[in-house]
Amino acid sequence: MKKSLIILLLGILSSFTMVAQSTIIKGSVKDAASSEPIPDVTITIEETQQTTLTNGFGEFVFSNNVPLGEQVLRISKEGYVTKRYPIIVNEGKTVDITDMILDIDVSDVQDMFTITLSDDELNDDTSGADNISGLLSSSLDIFQRTAAFEFSSSFFKVRGLDSENGSVLMNGIEMNKLYNGRPQWSNWGGLNDMMRNQVLTTGLTPSDYNFGGVLGSSNIITRASSYRKGGRVTFSSSNRSYTNRAMASYASGLLEGGWSYALMIGRRWGEEGFVDGTLYDSNSFFASVEKKINEKHSINFTSVYTPNRRGKSSPNTQEIYDLKGIKYNEYWGSLDGEQRNSRIKEVEEPIFMLNHYWDISSKTRLNTNVGYQFGKQGNSRLDYSGGANPSAAYYQLLPSYHVQRGDLDRAYLAEQEFIEDGQLDWNRIIDANVTNNISDTSSAYALYEDRADDKQLTVNSIFTSEINDNIIINGAVNYKNLKSENFGEVIDLLGSDVGLLNVDSFDGYQYDNRNSDRLVGEGDKYRYNYNLYADILSAYAQGQFKYNKFDFYVSGSITSTTYQREGLWENSRFDEAQTFGPEAPTSYGKGEELSFTGVGGKAGVTYKISGKHLIDVNGGYLTRAPNLRNTYSNSRENHSVVRNISEETVTSFDASYIFRSPIVNAKITGFYTKIEDANEVGFYYADGISGGNEIADNDTSAFVQEVLTGIDKNHLGVELGIEAQVTPTIKLKGAASIGQYTYGNNPNLYLTSASFETADGSGSIDYGQANLKDYKLAGGPQRAASIGFEYRDPDFWWFGATANFFSNAYIDVNALTRTENFYLASDGLPINDYDEELATELLKQEKITDYMVVNLVGGKSWKVDQYYISLFASVGNLLDEIYKTGGFEQGRNANYTELKEDNADGTPRFGSKYWYGRGANYFVNLNVRF
């Protein structure tokens, strides 16, 4: 691998040649109010789209391939109003524009939106329909901004791709989680003032920091010297994710002796958000200190600590929504007069970074970074191994259950009971445990937490050099080491004095066979206990070439990934002392060390027809290791690795036409991405499994792990963004995305379960191909459009409105019902009364109804002496539209007979579960800057 890396680097570097030229544009940028220099301002030559950033003294230089004649410099930075400066460039001369000024953007729109969007962890436990608003919100591209601000709350995914396809960095250190590949926004939530300085690339376009993903990359810069000198105090109120927010931040600017610092504290809280019972409790702390040693060297230390707790909300069947409305949440109930949510997500993972910046010369830089992140993630839930399911929304307590049994009187009573209450009965749960105490019986109910305690070290070096006026090279080497401790932990015995039995009540297996029949108490580990290890070594090299008519780049990467599981408990179902067969998985000790090699290559070209018209084309191919989540079929129980596991392959292409003028900016992009050989692992309880004597007690029901292998996905579509400054005060804007995101093949499916007693001991049953080809991928609308306007008055008040249209969203289908299991009886023979026409109707993918959402936003600001006071607000879903944003088929009805019977009366017990968008909602923000 090292030899391959050297060859890759030399291959790119060998093509670079030296050319000298003396035409230069240089200058500096200052804050209009304070006259302080502004670092990290983006300076763009509009004719060529060449860009650079100002340094800590607000200075910038263009010396490579500088265009001649009349040019326009565009200067922009988040929090400031963008300005354009006309200049004239003569060959061999220096244009020096010092002390250009930027005015503070009093509207500060980004602050309002990113606060709420980045706090939403949409559907984070099931299909992974997460948003990528944090990646896109700093973009200058109108479509990307619209996707972040207007589309994200509807589960919209840019190009139909999850956020694992985008790379989020902080000071050059990648923050995407190794477990699922996605950035965890809550690790820096509530620190908006400190996260504004971002360098963004979209799609496959080149990044100076890493190879990036097919959705691009964003590098959040937290150098203390990069912040505008001054402070800000903010208070916000909302009914979205939280009720209140308070923040305070201050940056010193560059002080004598080369020191600078930036500090921030914040708090967000609320008993519940828009959905019932969703508490929010979050604190945020940030500190960055930089020492400029001399003109060439600077060291920066950053610490981020954002402990947060939030109550989760449940997806529900349509029957439940019809009875209780879109705010219903089955996870909570009242205890001692207060709401108590049984499912709390708690994240406490501090981040520490040490960054060294070395300006080797005026054109060559080396940035070396060390990052360490540790702490815990916990997701609580009720354990009812000794009692009945305590949920008030349990299917046997709903009207549909009794209707299907023909008991209409009981159905009516169940309906009334659910409407009048329908929440967890904590007192009944505690009473059951107190009763068990009398007979010295173990706890019937307990609250436990699924924990992941990670320790991750990242070390990298990033190299950038301007070889000559036309060529820039970038390169980096990166190393990551992860130890992830995974276990269940009892957090509340709910009135039990005896303890909880550490045994699988369903199958009777010992979770910890070497300590059998152990009673566990609060703070003890429970159910599972294992470690995951990951080592990743990667490198990339890139060349960027800029000429009068053409810009192009080429980039390559190579990555070596190693995974290993270590079982700290021996699950008796997978006890090595027993003989289950040659393929039997084991649970204890260290499992097989898995190795993957990923390679990537991408290239692109921009043809500048003129200063207004550009054509941009990019293409890329990469292979990558599967993430940890999809590598093991059930890592909580054993070492079993997903069959035939290999690297995923991603091929991507896009082409854009870009038009820029002083009045109109527009971009239209066609894109295609193909993902091949992907794996997915899901968990659910299934009825109607065919398997005969391979299932314990010849049963047809089991808790299963569904493993899909060799999945291909196609993402095809067009994006459009346009904005027009029709008058000095009025801007019109529009954006649209039309996509088709589908399964590209029929992947293989097999199930694993502790209930399976297969002849080879593998505990898995193969059901062959799942007929998924051409089914639509779930995860938000595949078509979205937005049209709106902004009005900015010279007296510093403004408002805007958008109408957003969404269509072609689909429910996530269950793969098992698309296999041979659907038409086979428990004995493996075809079902006698199988009706192919009815089966086709039952398996038709559900399309979500189209909908429109109208949003309003506006504000006013004042300058009082040296203080800026801003008040702004937004109203989301002004018309209170009721709409579904996503959902999934339940896997309970696994065959034709079960599914037909459940749908006979039109109200299935195990119908699809959905998420609904928020009704009318608001956000109000007041801040004072000084």
Foldseek 3Di string as FASTA:
>chain_A
DVVVVVCQFCVVVVPDDADAFQFKEKEFEAAPQPRAGAWQKWKAWLFFRDIDTAHLRRMDMAGFQDDAAWIKIWIDFQQWDIDIDIDGTDGNDYHYYYHHYTYGQQQNVLVQQCQQQLVDQPPCPAPQLGFDLVQQCLDPFQQSNCCNRPVRLLSDDVLPDHQLQWFEAELLHTQQDLQASHHNSLQFHPVVLQQRNKDWDAAQDDDLRDRTGRGTYIYGYRALSNHDAFKKWKWKAWQAAFGIKTKIKGWHHQDPQQKIKIWMKMWTWHCGHLAPRKTKTKIWIKMKMKGDNDPFKIKMKIKIWMKIKIADFDFFDPLLCVLANQNDGQQWDDDPRGIDGQWMKIDTKMKIKMKMWGPVDPFKIKIKMKMKIWDKIKTKHKDQLQHDDQTLLALCLALLVVVLVVNNVSSVVSSVVCNVGRYGDLVVQLVVQQVCQVVLHARRMFMKIWMKIKIKMKIKMKIWGDSYSWKIKIKMKMKMKMKIKTFMFTAGSSNHPNAHFQARSVPGKHLAVVDHRDGDDHGDTHNFIKMKIKIKIKMKMKMWGGHSFKTKMKMKMKMKMKMKMAGPGWIRLQDPVDPQADQAFTRHGIDDIDMAMKMKMKMKMKGSPTSFKIKIKMWMKMWAARRNNFQALDNRHGRHGAPPGYTKIKIKIKMKIWGDDPFKTKMKMWMKMKIWFYKDKDWDKAAQFADAVQFPPLHRIFTKIKMWTTWMKMRTWMKMKMKGCPDVFKMKIKIKIAIFIFTAAFTWIKIAHSRTRDNNNNRMDTQGTQPGGRPGDARFANIKMKIKMKGADPQFKIKMKMKMKGFFHWEAEDRLCRTPSAQAGNPRHGDDVDDPVVSCVLRDIDTWDIDMKMKMKIWGWDCDPPKIKIKIKMKTRVVQDKGWSYWYQHNHHRYNVSSCSQPVVPHGSRGITTNIRRGIMMMIMIMMID
